PDB file of all heavy atoms in Angstrom:
ATOM      1  N   ASP A   1       0.819  -1.207   0.000  1.00  0.00           N
ATOM      2  CA  ASP A   1       0.000   0.000   0.000  1.00  0.00           C
ATOM      3  C   ASP A   1       0.855   1.261   0.000  1.00  0.00           C
ATOM      4  O   ASP A   1       0.496   2.263  -0.625  1.00  0.00           O
ATOM      5  CB  ASP A   1      -0.936   0.021   1.205  1.00  0.00           C
ATOM      6  CG  ASP A   1      -1.973  -1.077   1.145  1.00  0.00           C
ATOM      7  OD1 ASP A   1      -2.340  -1.494   0.034  1.00  0.00           O
ATOM      8  OD2 ASP A   1      -2.426  -1.514   2.223  1.00  0.00           O
ATOM      9  N   ALA A   2       1.978   1.207   0.709  1.00  0.00           N
ATOM     10  CA  ALA A   2       2.837   2.372   0.794  1.00  0.00           C
ATOM     11  C   ALA A   2       4.186   1.985   1.376  1.00  0.00           C
ATOM     12  O   ALA A   2       4.323   0.954   2.040  1.00  0.00           O
ATOM     13  CB  ALA A   2       2.198   3.457   1.657  1.00  0.00           C
ATOM     14  N   MET A   3       5.173   2.815   1.120  1.00  0.00           N
ATOM     15  CA  MET A   3       6.473   2.686   1.757  1.00  0.00           C
ATOM     16  C   MET A   3       6.879   4.054   2.263  1.00  0.00           C
ATOM     17  O   MET A   3       6.459   5.075   1.708  1.00  0.00           O
ATOM     18  CB  MET A   3       7.523   2.138   0.788  1.00  0.00           C
ATOM     19  CG  MET A   3       7.236   0.731   0.299  1.00  0.00           C
ATOM     20  SD  MET A   3       8.598   0.012  -0.665  1.00  0.00           S
ATOM     21  CE  MET A   3       9.825  -0.234   0.634  1.00  0.00           C
ATOM     22  N   GLY A   4       7.672   4.063   3.306  1.00  0.00           N
ATOM     23  CA  GLY A   4       8.053   5.345   3.857  1.00  0.00           C
ATOM     24  C   GLY A   4       9.243   5.278   4.782  1.00  0.00           C
ATOM     25  O   GLY A   4       9.893   4.235   4.932  1.00  0.00           O
ATOM     26  N   TRP A   5       9.521   6.411   5.374  1.00  0.00           N
ATOM     27  CA  TRP A   5      10.612   6.562   6.321  1.00  0.00           C
ATOM     28  C   TRP A   5      10.111   7.242   7.576  1.00  0.00           C
ATOM     29  O   TRP A   5       9.356   8.217   7.506  1.00  0.00           O
ATOM     30  CB  TRP A   5      11.748   7.400   5.725  1.00  0.00           C
ATOM     31  CG  TRP A   5      12.472   6.744   4.590  1.00  0.00           C
ATOM     32  CD1 TRP A   5      12.164   6.815   3.268  1.00  0.00           C
ATOM     33  CD2 TRP A   5      13.629   5.923   4.689  1.00  0.00           C
ATOM     34  NE1 TRP A   5      13.060   6.091   2.526  1.00  0.00           N
ATOM     35  CE2 TRP A   5      13.976   5.528   3.373  1.00  0.00           C
ATOM     36  CE3 TRP A   5      14.412   5.483   5.757  1.00  0.00           C
ATOM     37  CZ2 TRP A   5      15.072   4.713   3.102  1.00  0.00           C
ATOM     38  CZ3 TRP A   5      15.495   4.666   5.492  1.00  0.00           C
ATOM     39  CH2 TRP A   5      15.821   4.295   4.181  1.00  0.00           C
ATOM     40  N   ALA A   6      10.529   6.724   8.704  1.00  0.00           N
ATOM     41  CA  ALA A   6      10.263   7.351   9.984  1.00  0.00           C
ATOM     42  C   ALA A   6      11.586   7.560  10.699  1.00  0.00           C
ATOM     43  O   ALA A   6      12.595   6.958  10.336  1.00  0.00           O
ATOM     44  CB  ALA A   6       9.322   6.491  10.824  1.00  0.00           C
ATOM     45  N   ARG A   7      11.597   8.414  11.694  1.00  0.00           N
ATOM     46  CA  ARG A   7      12.815   8.656  12.448  1.00  0.00           C
ATOM     47  C   ARG A   7      12.507   8.788  13.922  1.00  0.00           C
ATOM     48  O   ARG A   7      11.400   9.141  14.317  1.00  0.00           O
ATOM     49  CB  ARG A   7      13.535   9.912  11.941  1.00  0.00           C
ATOM     50  CG  ARG A   7      12.793  11.216  12.195  1.00  0.00           C
ATOM     51  CD  ARG A   7      13.510  12.382  11.538  1.00  0.00           C
ATOM     52  NE  ARG A   7      12.821  13.646  11.765  1.00  0.00           N
ATOM     53  CZ  ARG A   7      13.162  14.794  11.184  1.00  0.00           C
ATOM     54  NH1 ARG A   7      14.183  14.825  10.330  1.00  0.00           N
ATOM     55  NH2 ARG A   7      12.479  15.898  11.452  1.00  0.00           N
ATOM     56  N   GLN A   8      13.523   8.509  14.714  1.00  0.00           N
ATOM     57  CA  GLN A   8      13.380   8.614  16.155  1.00  0.00           C
ATOM     58  C   GLN A   8      14.684   9.078  16.768  1.00  0.00           C
ATOM     59  O   GLN A   8      15.728   8.463  16.566  1.00  0.00           O
ATOM     60  CB  GLN A   8      12.962   7.281  16.770  1.00  0.00           C
ATOM     61  CG  GLN A   8      12.641   7.362  18.251  1.00  0.00           C
ATOM     62  CD  GLN A   8      11.953   6.115  18.762  1.00  0.00           C
ATOM     63  OE1 GLN A   8      12.120   5.033  18.205  1.00  0.00           O
ATOM     64  NE2 GLN A   8      11.169   6.262  19.809  1.00  0.00           N
ATOM     65  N   ALA A   9      14.609  10.169  17.489  1.00  0.00           N
ATOM     66  CA  ALA A   9      15.752  10.692  18.227  1.00  0.00           C
ATOM     67  C   ALA A   9      15.637  10.246  19.680  1.00  0.00           C
ATOM     68  O   ALA A   9      14.537   9.968  20.170  1.00  0.00           O
ATOM     69  CB  ALA A   9      15.791  12.211  18.136  1.00  0.00           C
ATOM     70  N   PRO A  10      16.752  10.167  20.398  1.00  0.00           N
ATOM     71  CA  PRO A  10      16.706   9.757  21.800  1.00  0.00           C
ATOM     72  C   PRO A  10      15.751  10.613  22.616  1.00  0.00           C
ATOM     73  O   PRO A  10      15.794  11.843  22.548  1.00  0.00           O
ATOM     74  CB  PRO A  10      18.153   9.934  22.266  1.00  0.00           C
ATOM     75  CG  PRO A  10      18.966   9.766  21.030  1.00  0.00           C
ATOM     76  CD  PRO A  10      18.144  10.399  19.947  1.00  0.00           C
ATOM     77  N   GLY A  11      14.887   9.961  23.371  1.00  0.00           N
ATOM     78  CA  GLY A  11      13.947  10.672  24.210  1.00  0.00           C
ATOM     79  C   GLY A  11      12.741  11.231  23.495  1.00  0.00           C
ATOM     80  O   GLY A  11      11.907  11.896  24.124  1.00  0.00           O
ATOM     81  N   LYS A  12      12.636  10.982  22.206  1.00  0.00           N
ATOM     82  CA  LYS A  12      11.514  11.497  21.440  1.00  0.00           C
ATOM     83  C   LYS A  12      10.745  10.354  20.791  1.00  0.00           C
ATOM     84  O   LYS A  12      11.261   9.254  20.616  1.00  0.00           O
ATOM     85  CB  LYS A  12      11.999  12.471  20.361  1.00  0.00           C
ATOM     86  CG  LYS A  12      12.672  13.717  20.904  1.00  0.00           C
ATOM     87  CD  LYS A  12      13.046  14.671  19.785  1.00  0.00           C
ATOM     88  CE  LYS A  12      13.686  15.931  20.326  1.00  0.00           C
ATOM     89  NZ  LYS A  12      14.058  16.867  19.226  1.00  0.00           N
ATOM     90  N   GLU A  13       9.509  10.640  20.444  1.00  0.00           N
ATOM     91  CA  GLU A  13       8.671   9.647  19.795  1.00  0.00           C
ATOM     92  C   GLU A  13       9.061   9.489  18.330  1.00  0.00           C
ATOM     93  O   GLU A  13       9.568  10.413  17.699  1.00  0.00           O
ATOM     94  CB  GLU A  13       7.195  10.038  19.895  1.00  0.00           C
ATOM     95  CG  GLU A  13       6.650  10.065  21.307  1.00  0.00           C
ATOM     96  CD  GLU A  13       5.175  10.401  21.350  1.00  0.00           C
ATOM     97  OE1 GLU A  13       4.624  10.795  20.304  1.00  0.00           O
ATOM     98  OE2 GLU A  13       4.571  10.255  22.417  1.00  0.00           O
ATOM     99  N   ARG A  14       8.806   8.304  17.812  1.00  0.00           N
ATOM    100  CA  ARG A  14       9.053   8.076  16.404  1.00  0.00           C
ATOM    101  C   ARG A  14       8.046   8.873  15.579  1.00  0.00           C
ATOM    102  O   ARG A  14       6.856   8.899  15.897  1.00  0.00           O
ATOM    103  CB  ARG A  14       8.946   6.587  16.078  1.00  0.00           C
ATOM    104  CG  ARG A  14       9.251   6.248  14.632  1.00  0.00           C
ATOM    105  CD  ARG A  14       9.174   4.743  14.368  1.00  0.00           C
ATOM    106  NE  ARG A  14      10.169   4.011  15.143  1.00  0.00           N
ATOM    107  CZ  ARG A  14      10.437   2.719  14.979  1.00  0.00           C
ATOM    108  NH1 ARG A  14       9.787   2.020  14.054  1.00  0.00           N
ATOM    109  NH2 ARG A  14      11.351   2.122  15.737  1.00  0.00           N
ATOM    110  N   GLU A  15       8.522   9.515  14.540  1.00  0.00           N
ATOM    111  CA  GLU A  15       7.653  10.286  13.678  1.00  0.00           C
ATOM    112  C   GLU A  15       7.829   9.855  12.228  1.00  0.00           C
ATOM    113  O   GLU A  15       8.936   9.534  11.788  1.00  0.00           O
ATOM    114  CB  GLU A  15       7.920  11.788  13.807  1.00  0.00           C
ATOM    115  CG  GLU A  15       9.294  12.233  13.333  1.00  0.00           C
ATOM    116  CD  GLU A  15       9.449  13.735  13.265  1.00  0.00           C
ATOM    117  OE1 GLU A  15       8.427  14.449  13.255  1.00  0.00           O
ATOM    118  OE2 GLU A  15      10.601  14.212  13.217  1.00  0.00           O
ATOM    119  N   LEU A  16       6.746   9.865  11.507  1.00  0.00           N
ATOM    120  CA  LEU A  16       6.791   9.544  10.089  1.00  0.00           C
ATOM    121  C   LEU A  16       7.338  10.748   9.344  1.00  0.00           C
ATOM    122  O   LEU A  16       6.813  11.854   9.461  1.00  0.00           O
ATOM    123  CB  LEU A  16       5.400   9.179   9.573  1.00  0.00           C
ATOM    124  CG  LEU A  16       5.328   8.713   8.118  1.00  0.00           C
ATOM    125  CD1 LEU A  16       6.066   7.383   7.953  1.00  0.00           C
ATOM    126  CD2 LEU A  16       3.878   8.556   7.675  1.00  0.00           C
ATOM    127  N   VAL A  17       8.390  10.535   8.585  1.00  0.00           N
ATOM    128  CA  VAL A  17       9.046  11.615   7.867  1.00  0.00           C
ATOM    129  C   VAL A  17       8.490  11.769   6.461  1.00  0.00           C
ATOM    130  O   VAL A  17       8.192  12.875   6.014  1.00  0.00           O
ATOM    131  CB  VAL A  17      10.566  11.386   7.809  1.00  0.00           C
ATOM    132  CG1 VAL A  17      11.243  12.459   6.966  1.00  0.00           C
ATOM    133  CG2 VAL A  17      11.147  11.364   9.210  1.00  0.00           C
ATOM    134  N   ALA A  18       8.379  10.662   5.760  1.00  0.00           N
ATOM    135  CA  ALA A  18       7.915  10.696   4.380  1.00  0.00           C
ATOM    136  C   ALA A  18       7.275   9.367   4.020  1.00  0.00           C
ATOM    137  O   ALA A  18       7.657   8.326   4.541  1.00  0.00           O
ATOM    138  CB  ALA A  18       9.073  10.988   3.422  1.00  0.00           C
ATOM    139  N   ARG A  19       6.323   9.426   3.130  1.00  0.00           N
ATOM    140  CA  ARG A  19       5.655   8.213   2.681  1.00  0.00           C
ATOM    141  C   ARG A  19       5.249   8.371   1.227  1.00  0.00           C
ATOM    142  O   ARG A  19       4.854   9.456   0.792  1.00  0.00           O
ATOM    143  CB  ARG A  19       4.429   7.905   3.551  1.00  0.00           C
ATOM    144  CG  ARG A  19       3.584   6.743   3.054  1.00  0.00           C
ATOM    145  CD  ARG A  19       2.655   6.232   4.128  1.00  0.00           C
ATOM    146  NE  ARG A  19       3.393   5.498   5.152  1.00  0.00           N
ATOM    147  CZ  ARG A  19       2.825   4.887   6.186  1.00  0.00           C
ATOM    148  NH1 ARG A  19       1.508   4.945   6.343  1.00  0.00           N
ATOM    149  NH2 ARG A  19       3.569   4.242   7.072  1.00  0.00           N
ATOM    150  N   ILE A  20       5.331   7.268   0.489  1.00  0.00           N
ATOM    151  CA  ILE A  20       4.879   7.252  -0.892  1.00  0.00           C
ATOM    152  C   ILE A  20       3.937   6.076  -1.061  1.00  0.00           C
ATOM    153  O   ILE A  20       4.251   4.953  -0.684  1.00  0.00           O
ATOM    154  CB  ILE A  20       6.067   7.193  -1.878  1.00  0.00           C
ATOM    155  CG1 ILE A  20       5.562   7.237  -3.323  1.00  0.00           C
ATOM    156  CG2 ILE A  20       6.941   5.975  -1.633  1.00  0.00           C
ATOM    157  CD1 ILE A  20       6.673   7.502  -4.333  1.00  0.00           C
ATOM    158  N   SER A  21       2.771   6.326  -1.617  1.00  0.00           N
ATOM    159  CA  SER A  21       1.769   5.295  -1.794  1.00  0.00           C
ATOM    160  C   SER A  21       2.035   4.509  -3.065  1.00  0.00           C
ATOM    161  O   SER A  21       2.864   4.883  -3.899  1.00  0.00           O
ATOM    162  CB  SER A  21       0.369   5.905  -1.847  1.00  0.00           C
ATOM    163  OG  SER A  21       0.168   6.584  -3.073  1.00  0.00           O
ATOM    164  N   SER A  22       1.303   3.406  -3.220  1.00  0.00           N
ATOM    165  CA  SER A  22       1.444   2.600  -4.423  1.00  0.00           C
ATOM    166  C   SER A  22       1.038   3.367  -5.673  1.00  0.00           C
ATOM    167  O   SER A  22       1.463   3.022  -6.778  1.00  0.00           O
ATOM    168  CB  SER A  22       0.606   1.323  -4.298  1.00  0.00           C
ATOM    169  OG  SER A  22      -0.767   1.627  -4.130  1.00  0.00           O
ATOM    170  N   ALA A  23       0.226   4.389  -5.501  1.00  0.00           N
ATOM    171  CA  ALA A  23      -0.199   5.227  -6.608  1.00  0.00           C
ATOM    172  C   ALA A  23       0.779   6.360  -6.894  1.00  0.00           C
ATOM    173  O   ALA A  23       0.597   7.111  -7.850  1.00  0.00           O
ATOM    174  CB  ALA A  23      -1.584   5.797  -6.340  1.00  0.00           C
ATOM    175  N   GLY A  24       1.794   6.496  -6.060  1.00  0.00           N
ATOM    176  CA  GLY A  24       2.796   7.516  -6.273  1.00  0.00           C
ATOM    177  C   GLY A  24       2.594   8.798  -5.501  1.00  0.00           C
ATOM    178  O   GLY A  24       3.393   9.735  -5.641  1.00  0.00           O
ATOM    179  N   SER A  25       1.550   8.859  -4.699  1.00  0.00           N
ATOM    180  CA  SER A  25       1.313  10.051  -3.897  1.00  0.00           C
ATOM    181  C   SER A  25       2.297  10.111  -2.741  1.00  0.00           C
ATOM    182  O   SER A  25       2.581   9.102  -2.102  1.00  0.00           O
ATOM    183  CB  SER A  25      -0.117  10.059  -3.362  1.00  0.00           C
ATOM    184  OG  SER A  25      -1.055  10.068  -4.419  1.00  0.00           O
ATOM    185  N   THR A  26       2.803  11.292  -2.470  1.00  0.00           N
ATOM    186  CA  THR A  26       3.788  11.465  -1.409  1.00  0.00           C
ATOM    187  C   THR A  26       3.267  12.382  -0.321  1.00  0.00           C
ATOM    188  O   THR A  26       2.491  13.309  -0.580  1.00  0.00           O
ATOM    189  CB  THR A  26       5.101  12.033  -1.953  1.00  0.00           C
ATOM    190  OG1 THR A  26       4.851  13.292  -2.592  1.00  0.00           O
ATOM    191  CG2 THR A  26       5.723  11.077  -2.957  1.00  0.00           C
ATOM    192  N   THR A  27       3.703  12.112   0.892  1.00  0.00           N
ATOM    193  CA  THR A  27       3.408  12.969   2.026  1.00  0.00           C
ATOM    194  C   THR A  27       4.671  13.145   2.844  1.00  0.00           C
ATOM    195  O   THR A  27       5.498  12.244   2.919  1.00  0.00           O
ATOM    196  CB  THR A  27       2.292  12.391   2.916  1.00  0.00           C
ATOM    197  OG1 THR A  27       2.667  11.080   3.370  1.00  0.00           O
ATOM    198  CG2 THR A  27       0.980  12.293   2.156  1.00  0.00           C
ATOM    199  N   TYR A  28       4.808  14.309   3.459  1.00  0.00           N
ATOM    200  CA  TYR A  28       5.971  14.625   4.262  1.00  0.00           C
ATOM    201  C   TYR A  28       5.542  15.307   5.546  1.00  0.00           C
ATOM    202  O   TYR A  28       4.557  16.051   5.571  1.00  0.00           O
ATOM    203  CB  TYR A  28       6.924  15.558   3.520  1.00  0.00           C
ATOM    204  CG  TYR A  28       7.462  15.006   2.226  1.00  0.00           C
ATOM    205  CD1 TYR A  28       6.796  15.227   1.026  1.00  0.00           C
ATOM    206  CD2 TYR A  28       8.645  14.272   2.206  1.00  0.00           C
ATOM    207  CE1 TYR A  28       7.293  14.717  -0.160  1.00  0.00           C
ATOM    208  CE2 TYR A  28       9.145  13.766   1.022  1.00  0.00           C
ATOM    209  CZ  TYR A  28       8.468  13.994  -0.164  1.00  0.00           C
ATOM    210  OH  TYR A  28       8.964  13.490  -1.347  1.00  0.00           O
ATOM    211  N   THR A  29       6.295  15.069   6.586  1.00  0.00           N
ATOM    212  CA  THR A  29       6.067  15.831   7.793  1.00  0.00           C
ATOM    213  C   THR A  29       6.506  17.266   7.537  1.00  0.00           C
ATOM    214  O   THR A  29       7.401  17.527   6.736  1.00  0.00           O
ATOM    215  CB  THR A  29       6.825  15.217   8.987  1.00  0.00           C
ATOM    216  OG1 THR A  29       6.375  15.822  10.203  1.00  0.00           O
ATOM    217  CG2 THR A  29       8.317  15.426   8.852  1.00  0.00           C
ATOM    218  N   GLU A  30       5.861  18.198   8.196  1.00  0.00           N
ATOM    219  CA  GLU A  30       6.048  19.614   7.901  1.00  0.00           C
ATOM    220  C   GLU A  30       7.502  20.052   7.990  1.00  0.00           C
ATOM    221  O   GLU A  30       7.964  20.856   7.175  1.00  0.00           O
ATOM    222  CB  GLU A  30       5.186  20.459   8.835  1.00  0.00           C
ATOM    223  CG  GLU A  30       5.177  21.950   8.508  1.00  0.00           C
ATOM    224  CD  GLU A  30       4.485  22.244   7.197  1.00  0.00           C
ATOM    225  OE1 GLU A  30       3.588  21.482   6.809  1.00  0.00           O
ATOM    226  OE2 GLU A  30       4.849  23.259   6.554  1.00  0.00           O
ATOM    227  N   SER A  31       8.235  19.524   8.928  1.00  0.00           N
ATOM    228  CA  SER A  31       9.593  19.984   9.165  1.00  0.00           C
ATOM    229  C   SER A  31      10.579  19.631   8.054  1.00  0.00           C
ATOM    230  O   SER A  31      11.673  20.196   7.995  1.00  0.00           O
ATOM    231  CB  SER A  31      10.116  19.427  10.497  1.00  0.00           C
ATOM    232  OG  SER A  31      10.199  18.020  10.464  1.00  0.00           O
ATOM    233  N   VAL A  32      10.216  18.706   7.164  1.00  0.00           N
ATOM    234  CA  VAL A  32      11.145  18.306   6.105  1.00  0.00           C
ATOM    235  C   VAL A  32      10.656  18.700   4.722  1.00  0.00           C
ATOM    236  O   VAL A  32      11.368  18.463   3.730  1.00  0.00           O
ATOM    237  CB  VAL A  32      11.426  16.790   6.129  1.00  0.00           C
ATOM    238  CG1 VAL A  32      11.853  16.348   7.522  1.00  0.00           C
ATOM    239  CG2 VAL A  32      10.209  15.995   5.656  1.00  0.00           C
ATOM    240  N   LYS A  33       9.499  19.290   4.633  1.00  0.00           N
ATOM    241  CA  LYS A  33       8.963  19.679   3.335  1.00  0.00           C
ATOM    242  C   LYS A  33       9.903  20.656   2.634  1.00  0.00           C
ATOM    243  O   LYS A  33      10.395  21.604   3.229  1.00  0.00           O
ATOM    244  CB  LYS A  33       7.581  20.314   3.492  1.00  0.00           C
ATOM    245  CG  LYS A  33       6.491  19.326   3.848  1.00  0.00           C
ATOM    246  CD  LYS A  33       5.132  20.006   3.959  1.00  0.00           C
ATOM    247  CE  LYS A  33       4.041  19.009   4.279  1.00  0.00           C
ATOM    248  NZ  LYS A  33       2.719  19.659   4.434  1.00  0.00           N
ATOM    249  N   GLY A  34      10.144  20.378   1.374  1.00  0.00           N
ATOM    250  CA  GLY A  34      11.043  21.203   0.595  1.00  0.00           C
ATOM    251  C   GLY A  34      12.493  20.814   0.714  1.00  0.00           C
ATOM    252  O   GLY A  34      13.339  21.324  -0.038  1.00  0.00           O
ATOM    253  N   ARG A  35      12.811  19.912   1.644  1.00  0.00           N
ATOM    254  CA  ARG A  35      14.188  19.484   1.848  1.00  0.00           C
ATOM    255  C   ARG A  35      14.397  18.004   1.547  1.00  0.00           C
ATOM    256  O   ARG A  35      15.445  17.618   1.032  1.00  0.00           O
ATOM    257  CB  ARG A  35      14.630  19.766   3.286  1.00  0.00           C
ATOM    258  CG  ARG A  35      14.577  21.241   3.672  1.00  0.00           C
ATOM    259  CD  ARG A  35      15.219  21.486   5.038  1.00  0.00           C
ATOM    260  NE  ARG A  35      14.532  20.779   6.112  1.00  0.00           N
ATOM    261  CZ  ARG A  35      15.100  19.836   6.874  1.00  0.00           C
ATOM    262  NH1 ARG A  35      16.368  19.497   6.683  1.00  0.00           N
ATOM    263  NH2 ARG A  35      14.396  19.257   7.841  1.00  0.00           N
ATOM    264  N   PHE A  36      13.421  17.177   1.879  1.00  0.00           N
ATOM    265  CA  PHE A  36      13.527  15.731   1.682  1.00  0.00           C
ATOM    266  C   PHE A  36      12.641  15.299   0.519  1.00  0.00           C
ATOM    267  O   PHE A  36      11.562  15.865   0.295  1.00  0.00           O
ATOM    268  CB  PHE A  36      13.085  14.966   2.930  1.00  0.00           C
ATOM    269  CG  PHE A  36      14.000  15.107   4.122  1.00  0.00           C
ATOM    270  CD1 PHE A  36      15.053  16.010   4.130  1.00  0.00           C
ATOM    271  CD2 PHE A  36      13.790  14.313   5.238  1.00  0.00           C
ATOM    272  CE1 PHE A  36      15.886  16.135   5.238  1.00  0.00           C
ATOM    273  CE2 PHE A  36      14.618  14.424   6.347  1.00  0.00           C
ATOM    274  CZ  PHE A  36      15.659  15.330   6.352  1.00  0.00           C
ATOM    275  N   THR A  37      13.089  14.270  -0.186  1.00  0.00           N
ATOM    276  CA  THR A  37      12.318  13.709  -1.285  1.00  0.00           C
ATOM    277  C   THR A  37      12.343  12.191  -1.209  1.00  0.00           C
ATOM    278  O   THR A  37      13.413  11.594  -1.126  1.00  0.00           O
ATOM    279  CB  THR A  37      12.862  14.154  -2.651  1.00  0.00           C
ATOM    280  OG1 THR A  37      12.873  15.583  -2.735  1.00  0.00           O
ATOM    281  CG2 THR A  37      11.989  13.602  -3.774  1.00  0.00           C
ATOM    282  N   ILE A  38      11.172  11.577  -1.248  1.00  0.00           N
ATOM    283  CA  ILE A  38      11.077  10.130  -1.232  1.00  0.00           C
ATOM    284  C   ILE A  38      10.805   9.640  -2.650  1.00  0.00           C
ATOM    285  O   ILE A  38      10.066  10.272  -3.405  1.00  0.00           O
ATOM    286  CB  ILE A  38       9.983   9.639  -0.259  1.00  0.00           C
ATOM    287  CG1 ILE A  38      10.023   8.111  -0.116  1.00  0.00           C
ATOM    288  CG2 ILE A  38       8.601  10.112  -0.687  1.00  0.00           C
ATOM    289  CD1 ILE A  38       9.147   7.581   1.008  1.00  0.00           C
ATOM    290  N   SER A  39      11.404   8.520  -3.007  1.00  0.00           N
ATOM    291  CA  SER A  39      11.213   7.953  -4.331  1.00  0.00           C
ATOM    292  C   SER A  39      11.385   6.443  -4.272  1.00  0.00           C
ATOM    293  O   SER A  39      11.914   5.899  -3.297  1.00  0.00           O
ATOM    294  CB  SER A  39      12.187   8.557  -5.343  1.00  0.00           C
ATOM    295  OG  SER A  39      13.528   8.279  -4.989  1.00  0.00           O
ATOM    296  N   ILE A  40      10.935   5.769  -5.321  1.00  0.00           N
ATOM    297  CA  ILE A  40      11.006   4.309  -5.389  1.00  0.00           C
ATOM    298  C   ILE A  40      11.572   3.869  -6.729  1.00  0.00           C
ATOM    299  O   ILE A  40      11.224   4.418  -7.775  1.00  0.00           O
ATOM    300  CB  ILE A  40       9.612   3.679  -5.182  1.00  0.00           C
ATOM    301  CG1 ILE A  40       9.141   3.854  -3.747  1.00  0.00           C
ATOM    302  CG2 ILE A  40       9.640   2.200  -5.526  1.00  0.00           C
ATOM    303  CD1 ILE A  40       7.769   3.270  -3.487  1.00  0.00           C
ATOM    304  N   ASP A  41      12.442   2.884  -6.687  1.00  0.00           N
ATOM    305  CA  ASP A  41      12.907   2.192  -7.872  1.00  0.00           C
ATOM    306  C   ASP A  41      12.269   0.813  -7.822  1.00  0.00           C
ATOM    307  O   ASP A  41      12.750  -0.069  -7.111  1.00  0.00           O
ATOM    308  CB  ASP A  41      14.427   2.094  -7.895  1.00  0.00           C
ATOM    309  CG  ASP A  41      14.953   1.469  -9.179  1.00  0.00           C
ATOM    310  OD1 ASP A  41      14.206   0.733  -9.851  1.00  0.00           O
ATOM    311  OD2 ASP A  41      16.131   1.721  -9.516  1.00  0.00           O
ATOM    312  N   THR A  42      11.189   0.623  -8.557  1.00  0.00           N
ATOM    313  CA  THR A  42      10.451  -0.630  -8.481  1.00  0.00           C
ATOM    314  C   THR A  42      11.259  -1.812  -8.998  1.00  0.00           C
ATOM    315  O   THR A  42      11.096  -2.932  -8.516  1.00  0.00           O
ATOM    316  CB  THR A  42       9.136  -0.526  -9.268  1.00  0.00           C
ATOM    317  OG1 THR A  42       9.399  -0.154 -10.622  1.00  0.00           O
ATOM    318  CG2 THR A  42       8.220   0.518  -8.645  1.00  0.00           C
ATOM    319  N   ALA A  43      12.126  -1.582  -9.970  1.00  0.00           N
ATOM    320  CA  ALA A  43      12.939  -2.666 -10.514  1.00  0.00           C
ATOM    321  C   ALA A  43      13.890  -3.230  -9.473  1.00  0.00           C
ATOM    322  O   ALA A  43      14.234  -4.417  -9.511  1.00  0.00           O
ATOM    323  CB  ALA A  43      13.713  -2.183 -11.734  1.00  0.00           C
TER     324      ALA A  43
END
């Protein structure tokens, strides 16, 4: 359905950073928008 990246710093909760759906739609947490890009190489 989707693949993504999450991150966790010591003492903090894990947060979803970026996700890409099977349809190619992407979402990003606000703090990384414009800086991070998620992509997939299906092959």
